């Protein structure tokens, strides 16, 4: 089935207005931009890959410490890389999956971590139930061609996640969780549905999908005046 680009999916939360985002970057441009931002004290906070065009979308925020990212590793090579990064004191801050493999961003961190890729919905449900009592909470959830990639990190408190939601279901659930004091920490739109994770949080939250680039830029400027910043930005394929 063909895939169609239907605009940007973006989430704003009270993260401050000091950040930088870009979209439509080819691989070499993206690498050079990341190097420049790293040297100026910014760190990758979110990465998305639109494989129909082969371009990257990303958000950088002020940060310190080490950072390493690598794109399109096989699951086996990704495990080896993650093991090395974990031993070096870095944890997964972002993850993305395409037909070519797995992309990961590791940043200075601590605590436990678990990740999976290429898993079914039921696999993720079962593993999540095992990890919650161990003090791990889901932080990332990505769906690609019917299978899931997920990351859990050390954490406490409530965790809620859903996959394959329609627009109306996603809007309704997000509003319900908002009133319960939960906020989006990860959202993805692929294979015709939303996959998202909610964790305890506070303050405003705005979610928009199907934005043109001009609309995205206007919304971003508007929310910056309120002290909000982009949590995540997706320019991802999904079926019509």
Protein backbone atom coordinates (compact mmCIF):
# COMPACT_ATOMS: atom_id res chain seq x y z
CA UNK A 1 0.00 0.00 0.00
CA UNK A 2 1.40 3.45 -0.85
CA UNK A 3 2.15 5.97 1.86
CA UNK A 4 1.32 9.64 1.82
CA UNK A 5 2.73 12.64 3.61
CA UNK A 6 -0.10 14.40 5.42
CA UNK A 7 1.67 17.09 7.36
CA UNK A 8 3.42 17.50 10.69
CA UNK A 9 2.43 16.07 14.06
CA UNK A 10 3.69 18.27 16.90
CA UNK A 11 3.35 18.44 20.68
CA UNK A 12 4.17 21.51 22.79
CA UNK A 13 4.70 21.44 26.55
CA UNK A 14 6.30 23.80 29.14
CA UNK A 15 9.87 23.12 28.08
CA UNK A 16 11.02 26.69 27.55
CA UNK A 17 11.53 28.57 24.33
CA UNK A 18 15.27 27.90 23.97
CA UNK A 19 15.49 25.14 21.39
CA UNK A 20 16.04 24.56 17.70
CA UNK A 21 14.19 22.36 15.25
CA UNK A 22 14.63 21.45 11.61
CA UNK A 23 12.90 19.30 9.03
CA UNK A 24 13.64 17.99 5.54
CA UNK A 25 17.36 17.49 6.17
CA UNK A 26 19.32 14.96 4.16
CA UNK A 27 21.79 12.75 6.04
CA UNK A 28 24.96 14.81 5.57
CA UNK A 29 23.19 18.09 6.31
CA UNK A 30 21.73 16.58 9.46
CA UNK A 31 25.13 15.32 10.67
CA UNK A 32 26.77 18.70 10.10
CA UNK A 33 23.96 20.54 11.83
CA UNK A 34 24.07 18.23 14.84
CA UNK A 35 27.83 18.74 15.17
CA UNK A 36 27.37 22.51 15.13
CA UNK A 37 24.57 22.39 17.70
CA UNK A 38 26.54 20.07 19.97
CA UNK A 39 29.44 22.49 19.99
CA UNK A 40 27.08 25.32 20.94
CA UNK A 41 25.64 23.40 23.90
CA UNK A 42 22.56 21.81 22.36
CA UNK A 43 21.69 18.13 22.46
CA UNK A 44 19.34 16.01 20.37
CA UNK A 45 15.98 15.56 22.08
CA UNK A 46 13.91 14.03 19.29
CA UNK A 47 14.60 12.58 15.84
CA UNK A 48 12.16 11.46 13.16
CA UNK A 49 12.91 9.99 9.74
CA UNK A 50 10.57 10.35 6.76
CA UNK A 51 11.74 7.42 4.67
CA UNK A 52 9.70 8.25 1.57
CA UNK A 53 12.01 11.24 1.02
CA UNK A 54 14.94 10.01 3.11
CA UNK A 55 14.97 13.15 5.26
CA UNK A 56 15.40 13.87 8.95
CA UNK A 57 13.35 15.98 11.34
CA UNK A 58 14.84 16.80 14.75
CA UNK A 59 14.70 18.94 17.88
CA UNK A 60 17.73 20.13 19.88
CA UNK A 61 17.55 21.58 23.39
CA UNK A 62 20.16 23.01 25.78
CA UNK A 63 22.05 20.22 27.50
CA UNK A 64 25.42 18.94 28.66
CA UNK A 65 27.35 15.72 28.75
CA UNK A 66 28.08 13.19 26.05
CA UNK A 67 25.92 12.35 23.08
CA UNK A 68 26.18 9.66 20.45
CA UNK A 69 23.80 8.75 17.67
CA UNK A 70 23.93 6.17 14.95
CA UNK A 71 21.48 5.38 12.19
CA UNK A 72 20.12 2.28 10.55
CA UNK A 73 21.73 -0.52 12.46
CA UNK A 74 20.39 -4.06 12.38
CA UNK A 75 18.76 -5.20 15.63
CA UNK A 76 21.89 -7.21 16.48
CA UNK A 77 24.28 -4.33 15.75
CA UNK A 78 22.00 -1.95 17.62
CA UNK A 79 22.16 -4.20 20.68
CA UNK A 80 25.94 -4.22 20.56
CA UNK A 81 26.03 -0.45 20.24
CA UNK A 82 23.53 0.00 23.06
CA UNK A 83 25.52 -2.31 25.34
CA UNK A 84 28.64 -0.22 24.70
CA UNK A 85 26.81 3.05 25.28
CA UNK A 86 25.18 1.76 28.46
CA UNK A 87 28.56 0.74 29.87
CA UNK A 88 29.86 4.23 29.01
CA UNK A 89 27.08 5.82 31.10
CA UNK A 90 24.72 6.79 28.29
CA UNK A 91 21.06 5.92 27.88
CA UNK A 92 18.65 6.01 24.95
CA UNK A 93 17.08 9.45 24.62
CA UNK A 94 15.44 8.82 21.24
CA UNK A 95 14.82 5.91 18.91
CA UNK A 96 13.48 5.55 15.38
CA UNK A 97 12.84 2.56 13.10
CA UNK A 98 12.70 2.33 9.33
CA UNK A 99 12.94 -0.44 6.79
CA UNK A 100 16.73 0.06 6.87
CA UNK A 101 17.08 -0.59 10.60
CA UNK A 102 17.14 1.23 13.92
CA UNK A 103 18.37 4.74 14.77
CA UNK A 104 19.32 5.58 18.33
CA UNK A 105 20.37 8.68 20.25
CA UNK A 106 22.27 8.04 23.47
CA UNK A 107 22.95 10.76 26.03
CA UNK A 108 24.57 10.87 29.47
CA UNK A 109 22.20 9.22 31.93
CA UNK A 110 21.79 6.57 34.61
CA UNK A 111 19.42 3.91 35.89
CA UNK A 112 17.99 0.88 34.19
CA UNK A 113 16.90 0.57 30.58
CA UNK A 114 15.23 -1.93 28.29
CA UNK A 115 14.31 -1.71 24.61
CA UNK A 116 12.78 -3.91 21.94
CA UNK A 117 12.20 -3.62 18.23
CA UNK A 118 10.16 -5.54 15.66
CA UNK A 119 7.68 -6.72 18.30
CA UNK A 120 3.94 -7.31 18.10
CA UNK A 121 1.40 -5.38 20.16
CA UNK A 122 0.91 -8.38 22.46
CA UNK A 123 4.68 -8.71 22.91
CA UNK A 124 4.87 -5.10 24.11
CA UNK A 125 1.90 -5.58 26.44
CA UNK A 126 3.50 -8.64 28.03
CA UNK A 127 6.90 -7.04 28.42
CA UNK A 128 5.44 -3.83 29.84
CA UNK A 129 3.63 -5.83 32.50
CA UNK A 130 6.92 -7.49 33.45
CA UNK A 131 8.92 -4.25 33.56
CA UNK A 132 6.53 -2.08 35.56
CA UNK A 133 7.15 -3.96 38.86
CA UNK A 134 10.88 -3.67 38.17
CA UNK A 135 10.68 0.12 38.25
CA UNK A 136 10.89 0.70 34.50
CA UNK A 137 8.49 2.95 32.60
CA UNK A 138 7.93 3.29 28.88
CA UNK A 139 9.46 6.45 27.41
CA UNK A 140 9.27 5.83 23.64
CA UNK A 141 6.91 3.93 21.38
CA UNK A 142 7.23 3.79 17.59
CA UNK A 143 5.22 1.74 15.12
CA UNK A 144 6.69 0.74 11.76
CA UNK A 145 4.99 -1.54 9.25
CA UNK A 146 2.82 -3.15 11.91
CA UNK A 147 5.55 -3.86 14.47
CA UNK A 148 6.67 -1.86 17.48
CA UNK A 149 9.88 -0.39 18.84
CA UNK A 150 9.81 0.70 22.49
CA UNK A 151 12.12 1.97 25.21
CA UNK A 152 11.73 1.71 28.99
CA UNK A 153 13.79 3.71 31.50
CA UNK A 154 13.95 3.77 35.29
CA UNK A 155 11.00 5.68 36.68
CA UNK A 156 8.06 5.75 39.06
CA UNK A 157 4.41 6.67 38.94
CA UNK A 158 1.66 6.07 36.44
CA UNK A 159 2.26 4.97 32.89
CA UNK A 160 -0.36 4.67 30.19
CA UNK A 161 0.11 3.79 26.53
CA UNK A 162 -2.07 3.00 23.54
CA UNK A 163 -1.47 2.05 19.92
CA UNK A 164 -3.49 2.13 16.72
CA UNK A 165 -5.80 4.92 17.88
CA UNK A 166 -7.98 6.85 15.47
CA UNK A 167 -7.88 10.65 15.58
CA UNK A 168 -11.07 10.84 17.66
CA UNK A 169 -9.87 8.12 20.05
CA UNK A 170 -6.52 9.81 20.50
CA UNK A 171 -8.12 13.21 21.16
CA UNK A 172 -10.59 11.76 23.68
CA UNK A 173 -8.00 9.71 25.57
CA UNK A 174 -5.51 12.60 25.63
CA UNK A 175 -8.12 14.91 27.14
CA UNK A 176 -9.10 12.32 29.73
CA UNK A 177 -5.48 11.72 30.75
CA UNK A 178 -4.82 15.46 30.81
CA UNK A 179 -7.49 15.92 33.48
CA UNK A 180 -5.84 13.10 35.44
CA UNK A 181 -2.49 14.90 35.46
CA UNK A 182 -0.87 12.85 32.71
CA UNK A 183 0.99 14.32 29.75
CA UNK A 184 2.30 12.94 26.49
CA UNK A 185 5.96 11.86 26.55
CA UNK A 186 5.95 10.02 23.21
CA UNK A 187 3.64 10.06 20.21
CA UNK A 188 3.85 8.54 16.76
CA UNK A 189 1.51 8.47 13.78
CA UNK A 190 2.06 5.54 11.43
CA UNK A 191 0.21 2.65 9.83
CA UNK A 192 -3.01 4.64 10.01
CA UNK A 193 -3.08 5.25 13.77
CA UNK A 194 -1.61 7.01 16.78
CA UNK A 195 0.72 5.29 19.25
CA UNK A 196 1.41 7.31 22.39
CA UNK A 197 2.73 7.16 25.95
CA UNK A 198 1.49 9.31 28.86
CA UNK A 199 3.29 9.95 32.16
CA UNK A 200 2.66 12.27 35.13
CA UNK A 201 3.19 15.93 34.25
CA UNK A 202 1.82 19.42 34.67
CA UNK A 203 1.19 22.58 32.74
CA UNK A 204 -0.26 23.19 29.32
CA UNK A 205 -0.13 20.75 26.44
CA UNK A 206 -1.01 21.36 22.81
CA UNK A 207 -1.14 18.70 20.11
CA UNK A 208 -1.66 19.40 16.41
CA UNK A 209 -1.52 17.08 13.42
CA UNK A 210 -1.73 17.61 9.68
CA UNK A 211 0.10 20.94 9.88
CA UNK A 212 1.73 22.49 6.85
CA UNK A 213 5.22 23.88 7.36
CA UNK A 214 3.84 27.43 7.48
CA UNK A 215 1.24 26.41 10.07
CA UNK A 216 3.89 24.63 12.13
CA UNK A 217 6.13 27.70 12.15
CA UNK A 218 3.20 29.95 13.15
CA UNK A 219 2.09 27.64 15.97
CA UNK A 220 5.64 27.34 17.25
CA UNK A 221 6.09 31.10 17.45
CA UNK A 222 2.71 31.44 19.15
CA UNK A 223 3.44 28.85 21.84
CA UNK A 224 6.96 30.13 22.46
CA UNK A 225 5.46 33.37 23.77
CA UNK A 226 3.70 31.25 26.42
CA UNK A 227 6.93 29.52 27.46
CA UNK A 228 6.07 26.31 25.66
CA UNK A 229 8.48 24.30 23.56
CA UNK A 230 8.31 21.42 21.12
CA UNK A 231 8.37 18.07 22.85
CA UNK A 232 8.22 16.05 19.65
CA UNK A 233 7.88 16.70 15.94
CA UNK A 234 6.96 14.08 13.36
CA UNK A 235 6.94 14.32 9.57
CA UNK A 236 6.29 10.65 9.15
CA UNK A 237 4.63 8.42 6.60
CA UNK A 238 1.28 6.91 7.35
CA UNK A 239 -1.29 5.22 5.18
CA UNK A 240 -4.22 7.07 3.68
